[in-house]
Amino acid sequence: MAITSKPSCPGGHVLRESYHSKSGKLVKARCIRKTGIMRGKSSEKAERIIKKASMRAQHALRLSKKAGLPTPSRCHKGMTLRRGYTRRSYNRKNNTHVRHALVNPGCIKARGKTGAKQRVIVLDPEDHYLSEFGYHDVETKTTLERHTSLHKLINHFIPTKGEMATYNYVIRALNARYVLSRNTNPKVARIFKQDQRVISKEYKQKKMKKTM
């Protein structure tokens, strides 16, 4: 790695290390604005989430075996193994209560693409504020209702996180939901992609105004 003097970065910025470009030119270390809404590297957060999910799955497997429930370890061709998990209790919109339950491991139909490398995308429940601002059940909402919810979130974060960082977060969040839904629910995935394009267009327009 190239070595240059490292500047001290102000709040809301992170240090980008120096490096050599493809042409051999030395690019000095400098401070760049943080684009994420949350603290910590996304790779580190993804690792923590995956680790917690694995621990929950192992716990569910032990409970399933203890309860004498079927616990397959392999599945037939065209099927994939779904990890076991414990489902929390919750209330439906019609006010009916769904009790806590143990869901044992099982084989389900493989719905993802095979034979190609796929990027693992993890939705962090602590990071995703879309639902808190009304962006949920998107297939039942109008375009105006969805965009109103997204702009409520944007307006909430801009004063503390900055305009560009907020737009980047919303765009990535919508794209993650699109990728996770495109094979299981293409109709909903198209809605996420349409909304992401609208927000991306707004982002580009605001970015151009700042450079003028």
N, C-alpha and C. Protein backbone atom coordinates (compact mmCIF):
# COMPACT_ATOMS: atom_id res chain seq x y z
N MET A 1 0.84 -1.20 0.00
CA MET A 1 0.00 0.00 0.00
C MET A 1 0.87 1.24 0.00
N ALA A 2 0.45 2.25 -0.75
CA ALA A 2 1.20 3.49 -0.80
C ALA A 2 1.16 4.17 0.56
N ILE A 3 2.25 4.88 0.90
CA ILE A 3 2.32 5.55 2.19
C ILE A 3 2.35 7.05 1.97
N THR A 4 1.42 7.76 2.56
CA THR A 4 1.38 9.22 2.53
C THR A 4 0.97 9.70 3.91
N SER A 5 1.14 10.99 4.14
CA SER A 5 0.73 11.54 5.43
C SER A 5 -0.78 11.45 5.55
N LYS A 6 -1.27 11.01 6.73
CA LYS A 6 -2.70 10.79 6.92
C LYS A 6 -3.33 12.00 7.61
N PRO A 7 -4.34 12.59 6.98
CA PRO A 7 -5.01 13.74 7.59
C PRO A 7 -5.92 13.30 8.73
N SER A 8 -6.23 14.23 9.62
CA SER A 8 -7.17 13.97 10.70
C SER A 8 -8.56 14.33 10.20
N CYS A 9 -9.50 13.39 10.27
CA CYS A 9 -10.82 13.60 9.66
C CYS A 9 -11.82 14.17 10.66
N PRO A 10 -12.64 15.11 10.21
CA PRO A 10 -13.69 15.67 11.08
C PRO A 10 -14.85 14.70 11.23
N GLY A 11 -15.80 15.04 12.08
CA GLY A 11 -16.96 14.19 12.28
C GLY A 11 -17.76 14.01 10.99
N GLY A 12 -18.31 12.82 10.81
CA GLY A 12 -19.09 12.54 9.61
C GLY A 12 -18.23 12.14 8.42
N HIS A 13 -16.90 12.02 8.63
CA HIS A 13 -15.99 11.64 7.56
C HIS A 13 -15.16 10.44 8.00
N VAL A 14 -14.62 9.71 7.02
CA VAL A 14 -13.73 8.59 7.29
C VAL A 14 -12.49 8.75 6.42
N LEU A 15 -11.40 8.12 6.83
CA LEU A 15 -10.15 8.23 6.10
C LEU A 15 -10.08 7.17 5.00
N ARG A 16 -9.86 7.62 3.76
CA ARG A 16 -9.62 6.68 2.67
C ARG A 16 -8.11 6.58 2.50
N GLU A 17 -7.59 5.37 2.61
CA GLU A 17 -6.15 5.16 2.54
C GLU A 17 -5.61 5.54 1.16
N SER A 18 -4.33 5.88 1.11
CA SER A 18 -3.68 6.18 -0.16
C SER A 18 -3.53 4.91 -0.98
N TYR A 19 -3.40 5.08 -2.29
CA TYR A 19 -3.25 3.91 -3.17
C TYR A 19 -2.67 4.35 -4.51
N HIS A 20 -2.22 3.38 -5.29
CA HIS A 20 -1.72 3.64 -6.63
C HIS A 20 -2.81 3.30 -7.64
N SER A 21 -3.09 4.21 -8.55
CA SER A 21 -4.09 3.96 -9.58
C SER A 21 -3.51 3.00 -10.62
N LYS A 22 -4.35 2.58 -11.56
CA LYS A 22 -3.90 1.64 -12.59
C LYS A 22 -2.78 2.22 -13.44
N SER A 23 -2.78 3.55 -13.58
CA SER A 23 -1.73 4.20 -14.38
C SER A 23 -0.45 4.39 -13.59
N GLY A 24 -0.46 4.01 -12.29
CA GLY A 24 0.71 4.15 -11.46
C GLY A 24 0.77 5.43 -10.67
N LYS A 25 -0.23 6.29 -10.83
CA LYS A 25 -0.25 7.58 -10.12
C LYS A 25 -0.59 7.36 -8.65
N LEU A 26 0.10 8.09 -7.77
CA LEU A 26 -0.14 7.98 -6.34
C LEU A 26 -1.31 8.87 -5.95
N VAL A 27 -2.32 8.26 -5.37
CA VAL A 27 -3.47 9.02 -4.87
C VAL A 27 -3.32 9.11 -3.36
N LYS A 28 -3.19 10.32 -2.84
CA LYS A 28 -2.92 10.51 -1.42
C LYS A 28 -4.13 10.17 -0.56
N ALA A 29 -3.86 9.85 0.69
CA ALA A 29 -4.93 9.58 1.66
C ALA A 29 -5.71 10.87 1.89
N ARG A 30 -7.03 10.74 1.98
CA ARG A 30 -7.84 11.93 2.22
C ARG A 30 -9.14 11.55 2.93
N CYS A 31 -9.81 12.55 3.46
CA CYS A 31 -11.06 12.32 4.17
C CYS A 31 -12.23 12.35 3.19
N ILE A 32 -13.12 11.40 3.32
CA ILE A 32 -14.33 11.37 2.49
C ILE A 32 -15.54 11.28 3.40
N ARG A 33 -16.66 11.79 2.92
CA ARG A 33 -17.88 11.78 3.72
C ARG A 33 -18.41 10.37 3.89
N LYS A 34 -18.85 10.04 5.10
CA LYS A 34 -19.46 8.74 5.35
C LYS A 34 -20.79 8.68 4.64
N THR A 35 -21.03 7.60 3.89
CA THR A 35 -22.28 7.47 3.15
C THR A 35 -23.31 6.63 3.87
N GLY A 36 -22.91 5.89 4.92
CA GLY A 36 -23.85 5.02 5.62
C GLY A 36 -24.62 5.78 6.69
N ILE A 37 -25.82 5.31 7.00
CA ILE A 37 -26.62 5.90 8.06
C ILE A 37 -26.12 5.42 9.42
N MET A 38 -25.72 4.16 9.49
CA MET A 38 -25.33 3.57 10.75
C MET A 38 -23.82 3.52 10.90
N ARG A 39 -23.36 3.34 12.12
CA ARG A 39 -21.94 3.23 12.40
C ARG A 39 -21.46 1.82 12.10
N GLY A 40 -20.15 1.71 11.80
CA GLY A 40 -19.55 0.39 11.58
C GLY A 40 -19.59 -0.01 10.12
N LYS A 41 -18.63 -0.87 9.74
CA LYS A 41 -18.57 -1.33 8.37
C LYS A 41 -19.72 -2.30 8.08
N SER A 42 -20.27 -2.21 6.87
CA SER A 42 -21.39 -3.07 6.51
C SER A 42 -20.99 -4.54 6.55
N SER A 43 -19.73 -4.82 6.18
CA SER A 43 -19.27 -6.22 6.19
C SER A 43 -19.25 -6.78 7.61
N GLU A 44 -18.86 -5.93 8.57
CA GLU A 44 -18.82 -6.36 9.97
C GLU A 44 -20.23 -6.60 10.50
N LYS A 45 -21.16 -5.72 10.13
CA LYS A 45 -22.54 -5.89 10.58
C LYS A 45 -23.16 -7.14 9.96
N ALA A 46 -22.87 -7.37 8.68
CA ALA A 46 -23.39 -8.57 8.02
C ALA A 46 -22.87 -9.83 8.69
N GLU A 47 -21.58 -9.79 9.08
CA GLU A 47 -20.98 -10.95 9.76
C GLU A 47 -21.67 -11.21 11.09
N ARG A 48 -21.96 -10.12 11.84
CA ARG A 48 -22.63 -10.28 13.14
C ARG A 48 -24.03 -10.85 12.96
N ILE A 49 -24.75 -10.36 11.94
CA ILE A 49 -26.12 -10.81 11.69
C ILE A 49 -26.13 -12.29 11.32
N ILE A 50 -25.21 -12.69 10.43
CA ILE A 50 -25.13 -14.08 9.99
C ILE A 50 -24.78 -14.99 11.18
N LYS A 51 -23.88 -14.53 12.05
CA LYS A 51 -23.49 -15.31 13.22
C LYS A 51 -24.68 -15.51 14.16
N LYS A 52 -25.46 -14.43 14.39
CA LYS A 52 -26.63 -14.53 15.26
C LYS A 52 -27.68 -15.46 14.67
N ALA A 53 -27.86 -15.37 13.33
CA ALA A 53 -28.84 -16.24 12.66
C ALA A 53 -28.43 -17.70 12.79
N SER A 54 -27.11 -17.97 12.67
CA SER A 54 -26.61 -19.33 12.80
C SER A 54 -26.85 -19.88 14.20
N MET A 55 -26.62 -19.03 15.21
CA MET A 55 -26.84 -19.45 16.61
C MET A 55 -28.31 -19.74 16.87
N ARG A 56 -29.20 -18.91 16.30
CA ARG A 56 -30.64 -19.15 16.47
C ARG A 56 -31.07 -20.44 15.79
N ALA A 57 -30.47 -20.72 14.60
CA ALA A 57 -30.81 -21.94 13.87
C ALA A 57 -30.36 -23.18 14.64
N GLN A 58 -29.16 -23.11 15.23
CA GLN A 58 -28.66 -24.24 16.02
C GLN A 58 -29.53 -24.48 17.25
N HIS A 59 -29.97 -23.39 17.87
CA HIS A 59 -30.85 -23.50 19.03
C HIS A 59 -32.17 -24.16 18.64
N ALA A 60 -32.72 -23.73 17.49
CA ALA A 60 -33.98 -24.31 17.01
C ALA A 60 -33.81 -25.79 16.68
N LEU A 61 -32.65 -26.16 16.13
CA LEU A 61 -32.38 -27.56 15.79
C LEU A 61 -32.35 -28.42 17.05
N ARG A 62 -31.70 -27.92 18.11
CA ARG A 62 -31.65 -28.67 19.37
C ARG A 62 -33.05 -28.85 19.96
N LEU A 63 -33.86 -27.80 19.91
CA LEU A 63 -35.22 -27.89 20.44
C LEU A 63 -36.07 -28.86 19.62
N SER A 64 -35.87 -28.84 18.29
CA SER A 64 -36.63 -29.73 17.41
C SER A 64 -36.32 -31.20 17.70
N LYS A 65 -35.04 -31.49 17.88
CA LYS A 65 -34.63 -32.87 18.19
C LYS A 65 -35.19 -33.29 19.54
N LYS A 66 -35.15 -32.35 20.50
CA LYS A 66 -35.65 -32.65 21.84
C LYS A 66 -37.15 -32.93 21.81
N ALA A 67 -37.87 -32.21 20.92
CA ALA A 67 -39.32 -32.38 20.82
C ALA A 67 -39.71 -33.54 19.91
N GLY A 68 -38.71 -34.19 19.29
CA GLY A 68 -38.99 -35.33 18.41
C GLY A 68 -39.52 -34.92 17.04
N LEU A 69 -39.26 -33.68 16.62
CA LEU A 69 -39.73 -33.22 15.31
C LEU A 69 -38.75 -33.66 14.22
N PRO A 70 -39.23 -33.87 12.99
CA PRO A 70 -38.33 -34.28 11.90
C PRO A 70 -37.29 -33.19 11.62
N THR A 71 -36.02 -33.62 11.52
CA THR A 71 -34.94 -32.65 11.29
C THR A 71 -34.06 -33.13 10.15
N PRO A 72 -34.46 -32.95 8.90
CA PRO A 72 -33.66 -33.41 7.75
C PRO A 72 -32.34 -32.65 7.66
N SER A 73 -31.30 -33.34 7.20
CA SER A 73 -30.00 -32.70 7.01
C SER A 73 -29.67 -32.53 5.53
N ARG A 74 -30.41 -33.28 4.66
CA ARG A 74 -30.21 -33.17 3.21
C ARG A 74 -31.56 -33.16 2.52
N CYS A 75 -31.59 -32.58 1.33
CA CYS A 75 -32.85 -32.50 0.57
C CYS A 75 -32.66 -33.05 -0.84
N HIS A 76 -33.77 -33.43 -1.47
CA HIS A 76 -33.73 -33.95 -2.83
C HIS A 76 -33.39 -32.84 -3.82
N LYS A 77 -33.06 -33.20 -5.03
CA LYS A 77 -32.72 -32.24 -6.08
C LYS A 77 -33.90 -31.30 -6.33
N GLY A 78 -33.61 -30.03 -6.50
CA GLY A 78 -34.66 -29.04 -6.71
C GLY A 78 -35.22 -28.48 -5.42
N MET A 79 -34.72 -29.00 -4.29
CA MET A 79 -35.14 -28.52 -2.97
C MET A 79 -33.93 -27.96 -2.23
N THR A 80 -34.17 -27.13 -1.26
CA THR A 80 -33.10 -26.59 -0.44
C THR A 80 -33.51 -26.65 1.03
N LEU A 81 -32.53 -26.76 1.90
CA LEU A 81 -32.81 -26.91 3.33
C LEU A 81 -33.04 -25.53 3.96
N ARG A 82 -34.21 -25.39 4.58
CA ARG A 82 -34.52 -24.17 5.32
C ARG A 82 -34.16 -24.39 6.78
N ARG A 83 -33.40 -23.48 7.32
CA ARG A 83 -33.01 -23.59 8.72
C ARG A 83 -34.22 -23.52 9.65
N GLY A 84 -34.10 -24.15 10.79
CA GLY A 84 -35.15 -24.02 11.78
C GLY A 84 -35.03 -22.68 12.49
N TYR A 85 -36.09 -22.23 13.09
CA TYR A 85 -36.06 -20.97 13.82
C TYR A 85 -37.22 -20.91 14.80
N THR A 86 -37.11 -20.01 15.75
CA THR A 86 -38.20 -19.79 16.70
C THR A 86 -38.94 -18.53 16.29
N ARG A 87 -40.23 -18.63 16.12
CA ARG A 87 -41.03 -17.49 15.67
C ARG A 87 -41.62 -16.76 16.87
N ARG A 88 -41.41 -15.47 16.91
CA ARG A 88 -41.96 -14.67 18.00
C ARG A 88 -43.47 -14.49 17.83
N SER A 89 -44.13 -14.26 18.93
CA SER A 89 -45.57 -13.99 18.86
C SER A 89 -45.79 -12.59 18.31
N TYR A 90 -46.92 -12.39 17.64
CA TYR A 90 -47.23 -11.07 17.09
C TYR A 90 -48.73 -10.94 16.88
N ASN A 91 -49.17 -9.73 16.65
CA ASN A 91 -50.59 -9.45 16.40
C ASN A 91 -50.80 -9.09 14.93
N ARG A 92 -51.80 -9.72 14.32
CA ARG A 92 -52.13 -9.40 12.94
C ARG A 92 -52.93 -8.10 12.89
N LYS A 93 -53.09 -7.59 11.66
CA LYS A 93 -53.83 -6.34 11.49
C LYS A 93 -55.29 -6.47 11.91
N ASN A 94 -55.83 -7.71 11.81
CA ASN A 94 -57.23 -7.92 12.21
C ASN A 94 -57.37 -8.20 13.71
N ASN A 95 -56.27 -7.90 14.44
CA ASN A 95 -56.25 -8.01 15.91
C ASN A 95 -56.19 -9.45 16.43
N THR A 96 -55.99 -10.42 15.57
CA THR A 96 -55.81 -11.80 16.05
C THR A 96 -54.36 -11.99 16.48
N HIS A 97 -54.16 -12.80 17.50
CA HIS A 97 -52.83 -13.00 18.08
C HIS A 97 -52.23 -14.33 17.59
N VAL A 98 -50.99 -14.27 17.12
CA VAL A 98 -50.27 -15.48 16.69
C VAL A 98 -49.25 -15.81 17.76
N ARG A 99 -49.32 -17.00 18.30
CA ARG A 99 -48.47 -17.38 19.44
C ARG A 99 -47.04 -17.72 18.99
N HIS A 100 -46.15 -17.63 19.95
CA HIS A 100 -44.76 -18.04 19.76
C HIS A 100 -44.73 -19.50 19.33
N ALA A 101 -43.83 -19.85 18.39
CA ALA A 101 -43.79 -21.23 17.91
C ALA A 101 -42.38 -21.62 17.49
N LEU A 102 -42.12 -22.92 17.53
CA LEU A 102 -40.85 -23.48 17.06
C LEU A 102 -41.07 -24.02 15.66
N VAL A 103 -40.28 -23.54 14.70
CA VAL A 103 -40.37 -24.01 13.31
C VAL A 103 -39.15 -24.88 13.05
N ASN A 104 -39.36 -26.18 12.87
CA ASN A 104 -38.23 -27.10 12.70
C ASN A 104 -37.65 -27.00 11.29
N PRO A 105 -36.39 -27.44 11.09
CA PRO A 105 -35.78 -27.41 9.75
C PRO A 105 -36.62 -28.22 8.77
N GLY A 106 -36.61 -27.80 7.51
CA GLY A 106 -37.40 -28.52 6.51
C GLY A 106 -36.91 -28.23 5.11
N CYS A 107 -37.34 -29.05 4.17
CA CYS A 107 -36.96 -28.87 2.77
C CYS A 107 -38.01 -28.04 2.05
N ILE A 108 -37.56 -27.02 1.34
CA ILE A 108 -38.46 -26.18 0.56
C ILE A 108 -37.94 -26.10 -0.87
N LYS A 109 -38.80 -25.71 -1.78
CA LYS A 109 -38.42 -25.60 -3.19
C LYS A 109 -37.35 -24.54 -3.37
N ALA A 110 -36.28 -24.89 -4.12
CA ALA A 110 -35.20 -23.94 -4.39
C ALA A 110 -35.70 -22.90 -5.38
N ARG A 111 -35.69 -21.63 -4.98
CA ARG A 111 -36.22 -20.58 -5.85
C ARG A 111 -35.14 -19.64 -6.38
N GLY A 112 -33.90 -19.79 -5.90
CA GLY A 112 -32.83 -18.91 -6.36
C GLY A 112 -32.19 -19.45 -7.62
N LYS A 113 -31.31 -18.64 -8.22
CA LYS A 113 -30.59 -19.06 -9.41
C LYS A 113 -29.48 -20.02 -9.01
N THR A 114 -29.22 -21.03 -9.85
CA THR A 114 -28.17 -22.00 -9.56
C THR A 114 -27.08 -21.89 -10.60
N GLY A 115 -25.88 -22.40 -10.25
CA GLY A 115 -24.78 -22.42 -11.21
C GLY A 115 -24.07 -21.09 -11.34
N ALA A 116 -24.40 -20.10 -10.57
CA ALA A 116 -23.74 -18.80 -10.66
C ALA A 116 -23.47 -18.28 -9.27
N LYS A 117 -22.41 -17.49 -9.17
CA LYS A 117 -22.07 -16.89 -7.88
C LYS A 117 -23.09 -15.83 -7.55
N GLN A 118 -23.55 -15.82 -6.34
CA GLN A 118 -24.51 -14.81 -5.93
C GLN A 118 -23.97 -14.03 -4.75
N ARG A 119 -24.26 -12.74 -4.74
CA ARG A 119 -23.84 -11.89 -3.63
C ARG A 119 -24.80 -12.08 -2.47
N VAL A 120 -24.26 -12.26 -1.28
CA VAL A 120 -25.10 -12.41 -0.09
C VAL A 120 -25.51 -11.04 0.40
N ILE A 121 -26.81 -10.82 0.52
CA ILE A 121 -27.32 -9.54 0.99
C ILE A 121 -28.10 -9.79 2.27
N VAL A 122 -27.78 -9.05 3.30
CA VAL A 122 -28.43 -9.22 4.59
C VAL A 122 -29.17 -7.94 4.95
N LEU A 123 -30.42 -8.07 5.31
CA LEU A 123 -31.18 -6.92 5.79
C LEU A 123 -31.05 -6.87 7.31
N ASP A 124 -30.46 -5.82 7.80
CA ASP A 124 -30.30 -5.66 9.24
C ASP A 124 -31.57 -5.04 9.80
N PRO A 125 -32.31 -5.76 10.64
CA PRO A 125 -33.56 -5.21 11.18
C PRO A 125 -33.36 -3.94 11.99
N GLU A 126 -32.15 -3.74 12.53
CA GLU A 126 -31.88 -2.54 13.31
C GLU A 126 -31.58 -1.34 12.41
N ASP A 127 -31.21 -1.60 11.17
CA ASP A 127 -30.85 -0.53 10.25
C ASP A 127 -32.00 -0.11 9.35
N HIS A 128 -32.97 -0.97 9.17
CA HIS A 128 -34.01 -0.68 8.19
C HIS A 128 -35.17 0.08 8.82
N TYR A 129 -35.20 1.36 8.49
CA TYR A 129 -36.23 2.24 9.03
C TYR A 129 -37.40 2.41 8.06
N LEU A 130 -37.32 1.80 6.89
CA LEU A 130 -38.37 2.00 5.89
C LEU A 130 -39.75 1.66 6.45
N SER A 131 -39.85 0.53 7.12
CA SER A 131 -41.15 0.10 7.64
C SER A 131 -41.67 1.05 8.71
N GLU A 132 -40.75 1.61 9.51
CA GLU A 132 -41.16 2.50 10.59
C GLU A 132 -41.83 3.76 10.07
N PHE A 133 -41.52 4.13 8.83
CA PHE A 133 -42.10 5.34 8.26
C PHE A 133 -43.21 5.03 7.26
N GLY A 134 -43.78 3.83 7.37
CA GLY A 134 -44.95 3.49 6.56
C GLY A 134 -44.67 2.78 5.25
N TYR A 135 -43.39 2.47 4.98
CA TYR A 135 -43.07 1.80 3.72
C TYR A 135 -43.08 0.28 3.94
N HIS A 136 -44.29 -0.29 3.93
CA HIS A 136 -44.47 -1.74 4.07
C HIS A 136 -45.75 -2.13 3.34
N ASP A 137 -45.93 -3.42 3.09
CA ASP A 137 -47.08 -3.90 2.32
C ASP A 137 -47.21 -3.08 1.03
N VAL A 138 -46.09 -2.93 0.33
CA VAL A 138 -46.03 -2.01 -0.81
C VAL A 138 -46.99 -2.37 -1.94
N GLU A 139 -47.32 -3.66 -2.05
CA GLU A 139 -48.22 -4.07 -3.14
C GLU A 139 -49.64 -3.58 -2.93
N THR A 140 -49.98 -3.17 -1.70
CA THR A 140 -51.33 -2.68 -1.40
C THR A 140 -51.40 -1.15 -1.37
N LYS A 141 -50.26 -0.48 -1.53
CA LYS A 141 -50.23 0.98 -1.44
C LYS A 141 -50.11 1.61 -2.83
N THR A 142 -50.59 2.86 -2.93
CA THR A 142 -50.46 3.59 -4.19
C THR A 142 -49.04 4.13 -4.31
N THR A 143 -48.69 4.57 -5.51
CA THR A 143 -47.36 5.16 -5.72
C THR A 143 -47.16 6.38 -4.83
N LEU A 144 -48.19 7.20 -4.70
CA LEU A 144 -48.11 8.41 -3.86
C LEU A 144 -47.87 8.04 -2.40
N GLU A 145 -48.57 7.02 -1.91
CA GLU A 145 -48.42 6.60 -0.51
C GLU A 145 -47.00 6.09 -0.24
N ARG A 146 -46.47 5.31 -1.18
CA ARG A 146 -45.12 4.77 -1.01
C ARG A 146 -44.08 5.89 -1.01
N HIS A 147 -44.20 6.79 -1.97
CA HIS A 147 -43.22 7.87 -2.08
C HIS A 147 -43.32 8.85 -0.91
N THR A 148 -44.53 9.04 -0.39
CA THR A 148 -44.71 9.89 0.79
C THR A 148 -43.97 9.30 1.98
N SER A 149 -44.07 7.98 2.16
CA SER A 149 -43.37 7.30 3.26
C SER A 149 -41.86 7.43 3.12
N LEU A 150 -41.36 7.26 1.89
CA LEU A 150 -39.92 7.36 1.66
C LEU A 150 -39.41 8.76 1.95
N HIS A 151 -40.18 9.76 1.57
CA HIS A 151 -39.74 11.14 1.80
C HIS A 151 -39.85 11.53 3.27
N LYS A 152 -40.75 10.90 4.01
CA LYS A 152 -40.79 11.11 5.47
C LYS A 152 -39.48 10.64 6.09
N LEU A 153 -39.02 9.47 5.65
CA LEU A 153 -37.76 8.93 6.15
C LEU A 153 -36.59 9.84 5.77
N ILE A 154 -36.58 10.28 4.52
CA ILE A 154 -35.50 11.15 4.03
C ILE A 154 -35.46 12.45 4.83
N ASN A 155 -36.61 13.07 5.02
CA ASN A 155 -36.67 14.34 5.76
C ASN A 155 -36.29 14.16 7.22
N HIS A 156 -36.54 12.95 7.76
CA HIS A 156 -36.19 12.68 9.15
C HIS A 156 -34.67 12.62 9.34
N PHE A 157 -33.95 12.02 8.38
CA PHE A 157 -32.53 11.80 8.54
C PHE A 157 -31.64 12.93 8.04
N ILE A 158 -32.12 13.73 7.09
CA ILE A 158 -31.27 14.77 6.49
C ILE A 158 -30.67 15.72 7.52
N PRO A 159 -31.43 16.22 8.52
CA PRO A 159 -30.84 17.18 9.48
C PRO A 159 -29.65 16.63 10.26
N THR A 160 -29.63 15.32 10.52
CA THR A 160 -28.56 14.74 11.33
C THR A 160 -27.53 13.97 10.52
N LYS A 161 -27.92 13.37 9.39
CA LYS A 161 -27.02 12.53 8.62
C LYS A 161 -26.53 13.18 7.33
N GLY A 162 -27.21 14.25 6.91
CA GLY A 162 -26.81 14.88 5.65
C GLY A 162 -27.64 14.36 4.48
N GLU A 163 -27.79 15.19 3.48
CA GLU A 163 -28.66 14.86 2.36
C GLU A 163 -28.16 13.69 1.54
N MET A 164 -26.87 13.74 1.13
CA MET A 164 -26.34 12.71 0.25
C MET A 164 -26.28 11.34 0.95
N ALA A 165 -25.86 11.33 2.23
CA ALA A 165 -25.78 10.07 2.97
C ALA A 165 -27.16 9.44 3.12
N THR A 166 -28.17 10.28 3.35
CA THR A 166 -29.53 9.77 3.51
C THR A 166 -30.05 9.17 2.21
N TYR A 167 -29.85 9.87 1.10
CA TYR A 167 -30.30 9.34 -0.19
C TYR A 167 -29.58 8.03 -0.52
N ASN A 168 -28.27 7.98 -0.24
CA ASN A 168 -27.52 6.74 -0.50
C ASN A 168 -28.09 5.58 0.29
N TYR A 169 -28.43 5.83 1.55
CA TYR A 169 -28.97 4.77 2.40
C TYR A 169 -30.29 4.23 1.84
N VAL A 170 -31.21 5.14 1.49
CA VAL A 170 -32.53 4.74 1.00
C VAL A 170 -32.39 3.96 -0.31
N ILE A 171 -31.51 4.43 -1.19
CA ILE A 171 -31.30 3.74 -2.47
C ILE A 171 -30.79 2.32 -2.25
N ARG A 172 -29.80 2.17 -1.35
CA ARG A 172 -29.26 0.83 -1.07
C ARG A 172 -30.30 -0.07 -0.40
N ALA A 173 -31.10 0.51 0.49
CA ALA A 173 -32.12 -0.28 1.19
C ALA A 173 -33.17 -0.80 0.20
N LEU A 174 -33.59 0.04 -0.72
CA LEU A 174 -34.58 -0.38 -1.72
C LEU A 174 -33.99 -1.42 -2.66
N ASN A 175 -32.73 -1.24 -3.04
CA ASN A 175 -32.10 -2.21 -3.94
C ASN A 175 -31.94 -3.56 -3.26
N ALA A 176 -31.60 -3.56 -1.96
CA ALA A 176 -31.46 -4.83 -1.23
C ALA A 176 -32.78 -5.58 -1.21
N ARG A 177 -33.87 -4.84 -0.98
CA ARG A 177 -35.20 -5.48 -0.96
C ARG A 177 -35.57 -6.01 -2.35
N TYR A 178 -35.18 -5.28 -3.37
CA TYR A 178 -35.44 -5.74 -4.75
C TYR A 178 -34.72 -7.06 -5.01
N VAL A 179 -33.43 -7.13 -4.66
CA VAL A 179 -32.63 -8.34 -4.92
C VAL A 179 -33.18 -9.53 -4.16
N LEU A 180 -33.60 -9.31 -2.92
CA LEU A 180 -34.11 -10.41 -2.10
C LEU A 180 -35.49 -10.89 -2.54
N SER A 181 -36.22 -10.05 -3.28
CA SER A 181 -37.60 -10.40 -3.66
C SER A 181 -37.75 -10.82 -5.12
N ARG A 182 -36.73 -10.58 -5.95
CA ARG A 182 -36.93 -10.75 -7.39
C ARG A 182 -37.21 -12.20 -7.81
N ASN A 183 -36.73 -13.19 -7.02
CA ASN A 183 -37.00 -14.59 -7.36
C ASN A 183 -38.23 -15.14 -6.65
N THR A 184 -38.51 -14.61 -5.46
CA THR A 184 -39.63 -15.13 -4.68
C THR A 184 -40.93 -14.38 -4.92
N ASN A 185 -40.83 -13.08 -5.23
CA ASN A 185 -42.03 -12.28 -5.46
C ASN A 185 -41.71 -11.19 -6.48
N PRO A 186 -41.67 -11.53 -7.77
CA PRO A 186 -41.28 -10.57 -8.81
C PRO A 186 -42.15 -9.31 -8.85
N LYS A 187 -43.43 -9.44 -8.53
CA LYS A 187 -44.33 -8.28 -8.56
C LYS A 187 -43.89 -7.23 -7.55
N VAL A 188 -43.61 -7.66 -6.31
CA VAL A 188 -43.15 -6.74 -5.27
C VAL A 188 -41.76 -6.22 -5.60
N ALA A 189 -40.91 -7.09 -6.16
CA ALA A 189 -39.55 -6.68 -6.52
C ALA A 189 -39.58 -5.53 -7.54
N ARG A 190 -40.50 -5.59 -8.49
CA ARG A 190 -40.61 -4.52 -9.50
C ARG A 190 -40.98 -3.19 -8.84
N ILE A 191 -41.80 -3.25 -7.79
CA ILE A 191 -42.19 -2.03 -7.07
C ILE A 191 -40.97 -1.42 -6.38
N PHE A 192 -40.17 -2.27 -5.73
CA PHE A 192 -38.96 -1.78 -5.07
C PHE A 192 -38.02 -1.13 -6.09
N LYS A 193 -37.87 -1.77 -7.26
CA LYS A 193 -36.98 -1.24 -8.29
C LYS A 193 -37.50 0.08 -8.85
N GLN A 194 -38.81 0.18 -9.06
CA GLN A 194 -39.39 1.43 -9.56
C GLN A 194 -39.16 2.58 -8.58
N ASP A 195 -39.39 2.30 -7.28
CA ASP A 195 -39.20 3.34 -6.27
C ASP A 195 -37.73 3.71 -6.13
N GLN A 196 -36.86 2.73 -6.28
CA GLN A 196 -35.43 3.02 -6.19
C GLN A 196 -35.00 3.94 -7.34
N ARG A 197 -35.54 3.73 -8.53
CA ARG A 197 -35.20 4.58 -9.67
C ARG A 197 -35.66 6.02 -9.46
N VAL A 198 -36.83 6.16 -8.84
CA VAL A 198 -37.34 7.51 -8.56
C VAL A 198 -36.43 8.23 -7.58
N ILE A 199 -36.04 7.55 -6.50
CA ILE A 199 -35.17 8.17 -5.49
C ILE A 199 -33.77 8.42 -6.07
N SER A 200 -33.29 7.51 -6.92
CA SER A 200 -31.99 7.69 -7.56
C SER A 200 -31.99 8.91 -8.46
N LYS A 201 -33.10 9.13 -9.16
CA LYS A 201 -33.22 10.29 -10.05
C LYS A 201 -33.18 11.58 -9.23
N GLU A 202 -33.87 11.60 -8.10
CA GLU A 202 -33.85 12.77 -7.21
C GLU A 202 -32.43 13.02 -6.71
N TYR A 203 -31.75 11.94 -6.34
CA TYR A 203 -30.39 12.04 -5.82
C TYR A 203 -29.46 12.67 -6.86
N LYS A 204 -29.56 12.21 -8.10
CA LYS A 204 -28.71 12.74 -9.17
C LYS A 204 -28.98 14.23 -9.41
N GLN A 205 -30.27 14.60 -9.37
CA GLN A 205 -30.62 16.00 -9.58
C GLN A 205 -30.04 16.88 -8.48
N LYS A 206 -30.12 16.44 -7.23
CA LYS A 206 -29.60 17.21 -6.10
C LYS A 206 -28.08 17.27 -6.16
N LYS A 207 -27.45 16.17 -6.60
CA LYS A 207 -26.01 16.13 -6.69
C LYS A 207 -25.51 17.10 -7.77
N MET A 208 -26.26 17.19 -8.88
CA MET A 208 -25.87 18.11 -9.96
C MET A 208 -25.99 19.55 -9.51
N LYS A 209 -27.02 19.88 -8.72
CA LYS A 209 -27.19 21.24 -8.23
C LYS A 209 -26.03 21.65 -7.33
N LYS A 210 -25.52 20.69 -6.55
CA LYS A 210 -24.41 21.00 -5.63
C LYS A 210 -23.12 21.28 -6.39
N THR A 211 -22.97 20.70 -7.59
CA THR A 211 -21.73 20.89 -8.35
C THR A 211 -21.80 22.10 -9.26
N MET A 212 -22.98 22.69 -9.40
CA MET A 212 -23.13 23.85 -10.29
C MET A 212 -22.68 25.14 -9.60
